[in-house]
């Protein structure tokens, strides 16, 4: 497994070692031991993942930009097991030098990349293929009463979602999130990211 640092501290791209031959391929999609050996030193401590989620979406579906409010904040490792998505993490920690900035990475069934999104970040994705199956590992259980979000279509974020806006398919809930300029973040720079 290779760990790639991004332009925002704590946001990481993880590339598993894929073994392939004429029969197909094999890789470890997650190893707690390897995560602890290679990622924990970057983060400063280990993470215990407690819940796995999966979603299936069609082309143009945009989900996000979501987070869970304290005390139920989440770190996530996400990956696309079928199709392709553009996955994005936006820094929403008040006082952060990278507040409002984002990291975007294309996750596909062929590149097998994974994306680590720390606490204090809003997360979302857009489906670029006909359909996509998307998986999440979370270090906190889902708490619907702690749901939060900022608008996935906020142009001030400067995110190129790689799909035309008129093709975007959002849930009713996701159309109601505030723009970043109108958003009162529940996170500050002192939040424990992991």
Protein backbone atom coordinates (compact mmCIF):
# COMPACT_ATOMS: atom_id res chain seq x y z
CA UNK A 1 0.00 0.00 0.00
CA UNK A 2 1.27 3.45 -0.91
CA UNK A 3 0.13 6.52 1.01
CA UNK A 4 0.10 9.82 -0.90
CA UNK A 5 -0.09 13.13 0.96
CA UNK A 6 -2.22 15.84 -0.62
CA UNK A 7 -2.18 19.65 -0.52
CA UNK A 8 -4.17 19.62 2.76
CA UNK A 9 -2.65 18.08 5.87
CA UNK A 10 -4.39 14.87 6.94
CA UNK A 11 -6.22 14.27 3.63
CA UNK A 12 -4.61 11.21 2.05
CA UNK A 13 -4.83 9.09 -1.07
CA UNK A 14 -4.20 5.38 -0.51
CA UNK A 15 -3.15 3.10 -3.34
CA UNK A 16 -3.30 -0.62 -2.51
CA UNK A 17 -0.83 -3.07 -3.99
CA UNK A 18 -2.77 -4.92 -6.70
CA UNK A 19 -1.61 -8.36 -7.80
CA UNK A 20 -2.89 -9.30 -11.24
CA UNK A 21 -2.49 -11.93 -13.92
CA UNK A 22 -4.55 -13.38 -16.79
CA UNK A 23 -7.16 -14.62 -14.28
CA UNK A 24 -7.87 -11.17 -12.83
CA UNK A 25 -6.55 -9.40 -9.74
CA UNK A 26 -6.34 -9.54 -5.95
CA UNK A 27 -5.63 -6.88 -3.34
CA UNK A 28 -6.22 -6.25 0.34
CA UNK A 29 -8.83 -3.50 0.38
CA UNK A 30 -8.11 -2.84 4.05
CA UNK A 31 -5.61 -4.13 6.59
CA UNK A 32 -5.71 -2.61 10.08
CA UNK A 33 -2.09 -3.69 10.59
CA UNK A 34 -0.86 -1.98 7.41
CA UNK A 35 -3.02 1.09 8.06
CA UNK A 36 -1.48 1.37 11.54
CA UNK A 37 2.04 0.91 10.15
CA UNK A 38 1.80 3.36 7.23
CA UNK A 39 -0.98 5.85 7.97
CA UNK A 40 -0.97 6.17 11.76
CA UNK A 41 2.55 7.69 11.82
CA UNK A 42 1.36 10.42 9.42
CA UNK A 43 -1.78 11.08 11.46
CA UNK A 44 -0.12 10.73 14.85
CA UNK A 45 -2.23 7.83 16.13
CA UNK A 46 -4.31 4.82 15.11
CA UNK A 47 -7.95 4.84 14.06
CA UNK A 48 -10.57 2.23 14.87
CA UNK A 49 -13.12 1.89 12.06
CA UNK A 50 -16.55 0.81 13.32
CA UNK A 51 -18.97 0.93 10.38
CA UNK A 52 -18.90 0.14 6.65
CA UNK A 53 -21.45 1.66 4.25
CA UNK A 54 -22.21 1.16 0.56
CA UNK A 55 -24.23 3.18 -1.92
CA UNK A 56 -25.15 2.70 -5.57
CA UNK A 57 -25.84 5.71 -7.78
CA UNK A 58 -26.34 6.53 -11.45
CA UNK A 59 -24.56 9.09 -13.65
CA UNK A 60 -24.90 12.66 -12.45
CA UNK A 61 -25.81 11.81 -8.87
CA UNK A 62 -24.02 14.15 -6.47
CA UNK A 63 -23.96 13.33 -2.77
CA UNK A 64 -22.72 15.81 -0.19
CA UNK A 65 -21.08 17.80 1.01
CA UNK A 66 -21.74 15.94 4.28
CA UNK A 67 -20.28 15.69 7.77
CA UNK A 68 -21.39 14.73 11.27
CA UNK A 69 -21.40 17.38 13.99
CA UNK A 70 -19.56 16.90 17.29
CA UNK A 71 -19.54 14.82 19.35
CA UNK A 72 -20.16 12.34 16.51
CA UNK A 73 -17.55 13.51 14.01
CA UNK A 74 -16.24 10.95 11.53
CA UNK A 75 -13.08 10.13 9.66
CA UNK A 76 -13.67 8.05 6.53
CA UNK A 77 -11.85 5.92 4.02
CA UNK A 78 -13.85 5.83 0.78
CA UNK A 79 -13.50 3.92 -2.47
CA UNK A 80 -15.39 3.18 -5.68
CA UNK A 81 -15.74 -0.54 -6.39
CA UNK A 82 -17.75 -0.18 -9.61
CA UNK A 83 -17.67 2.72 -12.06
CA UNK A 84 -16.05 6.08 -11.40
CA UNK A 85 -16.62 9.04 -9.10
CA UNK A 86 -15.00 12.37 -8.41
CA UNK A 87 -14.54 12.43 -4.65
CA UNK A 88 -13.97 15.67 -2.71
CA UNK A 89 -13.00 16.71 0.82
CA UNK A 90 -13.50 20.37 1.84
CA UNK A 91 -11.78 21.83 4.90
CA UNK A 92 -14.47 23.37 7.15
CA UNK A 93 -12.33 23.97 10.26
CA UNK A 94 -12.67 27.60 11.37
CA UNK A 95 -9.22 29.17 11.73
CA UNK A 96 -7.55 26.66 9.42
CA UNK A 97 -5.12 28.10 6.86
CA UNK A 98 -6.85 25.85 4.29
CA UNK A 99 -10.47 26.69 5.32
CA UNK A 100 -12.78 26.36 2.30
CA UNK A 101 -10.11 24.64 0.21
CA UNK A 102 -10.62 21.18 -1.18
CA UNK A 103 -8.87 18.08 -2.46
CA UNK A 104 -10.49 16.19 -5.34
CA UNK A 105 -9.52 12.73 -6.55
CA UNK A 106 -11.02 10.42 -9.13
CA UNK A 107 -11.77 7.01 -7.65
CA UNK A 108 -12.51 4.19 -10.09
CA UNK A 109 -12.97 0.45 -10.19
CA UNK A 110 -9.76 0.32 -12.25
CA UNK A 111 -7.40 2.54 -10.24
CA UNK A 112 -8.51 1.03 -6.87
CA UNK A 113 -7.57 4.29 -5.13
CA UNK A 114 -8.96 5.08 -1.71
CA UNK A 115 -9.37 8.47 -0.10
CA UNK A 116 -8.94 9.25 3.59
CA UNK A 117 -11.15 12.14 4.75
CA UNK A 118 -10.42 13.36 8.30
CA UNK A 119 -12.79 14.90 10.83
CA UNK A 120 -13.45 18.57 10.25
CA UNK A 121 -13.98 18.09 6.53
CA UNK A 122 -17.15 17.99 4.46
CA UNK A 123 -17.23 15.09 2.00
CA UNK A 124 -19.05 14.54 -1.27
CA UNK A 125 -18.84 12.87 -4.65
CA UNK A 126 -20.23 13.01 -8.19
CA UNK A 127 -20.85 9.90 -10.29
CA UNK A 128 -18.97 10.08 -13.61
CA UNK A 129 -19.90 6.63 -14.97
CA UNK A 130 -23.26 5.09 -15.92
CA UNK A 131 -23.50 3.67 -12.39
CA UNK A 132 -21.16 3.58 -9.42
CA UNK A 133 -20.94 1.48 -6.27
CA UNK A 134 -19.25 3.42 -3.49
CA UNK A 135 -18.00 2.14 -0.12
CA UNK A 136 -17.16 4.03 3.10
CA UNK A 137 -15.32 2.94 6.25
CA UNK A 138 -16.18 5.23 9.18
CA UNK A 139 -14.63 5.60 12.62
CA UNK A 140 -17.91 6.71 14.22
CA UNK A 141 -21.39 5.26 13.88
CA UNK A 142 -24.05 7.11 11.89
CA UNK A 143 -26.07 9.56 14.00
CA UNK A 144 -28.88 11.16 11.94
CA UNK A 145 -29.38 13.88 14.55
CA UNK A 146 -25.78 15.03 13.88
CA UNK A 147 -26.14 15.29 10.07
CA UNK A 148 -24.67 18.43 8.57
CA UNK A 149 -23.71 19.75 5.17
CA UNK A 150 -22.70 22.59 2.92
CA UNK A 151 -23.93 23.09 -0.63
CA UNK A 152 -22.29 20.77 -3.12
CA UNK A 153 -23.03 23.34 -5.85
CA UNK A 154 -21.37 26.29 -4.04
CA UNK A 155 -19.35 27.91 -6.85
CA UNK A 156 -17.13 29.72 -4.34
CA UNK A 157 -15.51 26.37 -3.52
CA UNK A 158 -14.07 26.19 -7.04
CA UNK A 159 -14.79 22.47 -7.48
CA UNK A 160 -14.93 21.16 -11.04
CA UNK A 161 -17.34 18.25 -10.60
CA UNK A 162 -16.71 17.06 -14.19
CA UNK A 163 -20.43 16.83 -14.95
CA UNK A 164 -22.69 19.54 -16.38
CA UNK A 165 -24.78 21.29 -13.72
CA UNK A 166 -27.98 20.51 -15.66
CA UNK A 167 -27.14 16.79 -15.35
CA UNK A 168 -26.65 16.98 -11.56
CA UNK A 169 -29.05 14.79 -9.59
CA UNK A 170 -29.27 15.80 -5.90
CA UNK A 171 -31.44 14.65 -3.04
CA UNK A 172 -33.92 17.18 -1.69
CA UNK A 173 -31.87 17.33 1.53
CA UNK A 174 -28.69 18.19 -0.38
CA UNK A 175 -30.37 21.10 -2.21
CA UNK A 176 -31.03 22.81 1.14
CA UNK A 177 -27.47 23.01 2.55
CA UNK A 178 -26.00 26.48 3.12
CA UNK A 179 -23.30 28.07 1.01
CA UNK A 180 -19.91 28.25 2.71
CA UNK A 181 -20.25 32.04 3.22
CA UNK A 182 -23.49 31.48 5.17
CA UNK A 183 -22.25 28.45 7.06
CA UNK A 184 -21.40 28.44 10.78
CA UNK A 185 -18.97 25.55 11.08
CA UNK A 186 -19.17 23.40 14.23
CA UNK A 187 -15.44 22.67 13.82
CA UNK A 188 -12.38 24.76 14.57
CA UNK A 189 -8.69 24.33 13.95
CA UNK A 190 -8.26 22.56 17.30
CA UNK A 191 -10.48 19.58 16.39
CA UNK A 192 -8.77 16.24 16.67
CA UNK A 193 -8.70 15.25 13.01
CA UNK A 194 -8.67 11.49 13.42
